């Protein structure tokens, strides 16, 4: 079976579709969604993003937070409480 390969938008080098299927999906959340999950204001989320406490990726000019990064952030906050 021959693998279909497509170039990735950033690297321009081909990757195998089969390798994408085996990776877990990490949904990207808007600042509003993050604020709801953390029970904080949207401006607090933007402050966490601006101070680089909460890692983000940008889709165009729009900040998005991966679910994995949010879980890591929450875990770091819990460890800091001890």
Protein backbone atom coordinates (compact mmCIF):
# COMPACT_ATOMS: atom_id res chain seq x y z
CA UNK A 1 0.00 0.00 0.00
CA UNK A 2 1.43 3.35 -1.01
CA UNK A 3 1.13 6.26 1.44
CA UNK A 4 -0.31 9.51 0.23
CA UNK A 5 1.89 12.45 1.19
CA UNK A 6 0.96 16.11 1.33
CA UNK A 7 3.19 19.09 2.13
CA UNK A 8 2.59 20.69 5.52
CA UNK A 9 1.81 24.42 5.39
CA UNK A 10 4.77 25.44 7.55
CA UNK A 11 7.60 23.16 6.55
CA UNK A 12 6.78 22.52 2.88
CA UNK A 13 8.13 18.99 3.36
CA UNK A 14 5.75 16.06 2.90
CA UNK A 15 4.40 14.08 5.83
CA UNK A 16 2.61 10.77 5.73
CA UNK A 17 -1.14 10.82 6.31
CA UNK A 18 -0.79 7.56 8.25
CA UNK A 19 1.33 9.31 10.87
CA UNK A 20 -1.36 11.97 11.40
CA UNK A 21 -4.03 9.37 12.06
CA UNK A 22 -2.07 7.88 14.94
CA UNK A 23 -1.65 11.20 16.77
CA UNK A 24 -4.26 12.27 19.34
CA UNK A 25 -6.34 15.32 18.46
CA UNK A 26 -5.51 18.40 20.53
CA UNK A 27 -8.38 20.85 20.17
CA UNK A 28 -7.61 24.54 20.12
CA UNK A 29 -9.69 26.66 22.46
CA UNK A 30 -10.60 30.32 22.15
CA UNK A 31 -9.81 32.68 25.05
CA UNK A 32 -13.54 32.71 25.88
CA UNK A 33 -13.59 28.91 26.14
CA UNK A 34 -10.47 28.94 28.32
CA UNK A 35 -12.04 31.59 30.57
CA UNK A 36 -15.14 29.44 31.04
CA UNK A 37 -13.07 26.34 31.85
CA UNK A 38 -10.96 28.23 34.39
CA UNK A 39 -13.88 30.28 35.75
CA UNK A 40 -11.99 33.52 35.20
CA UNK A 41 -12.59 36.59 33.07
CA UNK A 42 -11.57 36.77 29.45
CA UNK A 43 -9.22 39.65 30.28
CA UNK A 44 -7.45 37.40 32.80
CA UNK A 45 -6.89 34.82 30.04
CA UNK A 46 -5.43 37.53 27.79
CA UNK A 47 -3.15 38.62 30.66
CA UNK A 48 -1.92 35.01 31.05
CA UNK A 49 -1.29 34.90 27.31
CA UNK A 50 0.45 38.30 27.23
CA UNK A 51 2.76 37.37 30.13
CA UNK A 52 3.48 34.01 28.44
CA UNK A 53 2.26 32.03 31.43
CA UNK A 54 -0.26 30.28 29.19
CA UNK A 55 1.24 29.03 25.90
CA UNK A 56 -0.71 29.81 22.74
CA UNK A 57 -0.64 29.28 19.02
CA UNK A 58 -1.94 31.93 16.66
CA UNK A 59 -4.35 31.21 13.86
CA UNK A 60 -3.76 34.35 11.87
CA UNK A 61 -3.96 36.99 14.59
CA UNK A 62 -6.29 34.97 16.82
CA UNK A 63 -4.78 33.30 19.90
CA UNK A 64 -5.74 29.70 20.58
CA UNK A 65 -4.82 27.48 23.52
CA UNK A 66 -4.38 23.75 23.05
CA UNK A 67 -6.24 21.48 25.47
CA UNK A 68 -2.95 19.79 26.40
CA UNK A 69 -1.32 23.14 27.21
CA UNK A 70 -4.33 24.13 29.32
CA UNK A 71 -4.16 20.84 31.25
CA UNK A 72 -0.42 21.38 31.81
CA UNK A 73 -1.09 24.92 33.05
CA UNK A 74 -3.72 23.64 35.49
CA UNK A 75 -1.33 20.94 36.72
CA UNK A 76 1.40 23.53 37.35
CA UNK A 77 -1.07 25.65 39.30
CA UNK A 78 -2.05 22.66 41.45
CA UNK A 79 1.60 21.81 42.15
CA UNK A 80 2.23 25.42 43.17
CA UNK A 81 -0.53 25.19 45.80
CA UNK A 82 1.34 22.49 47.71
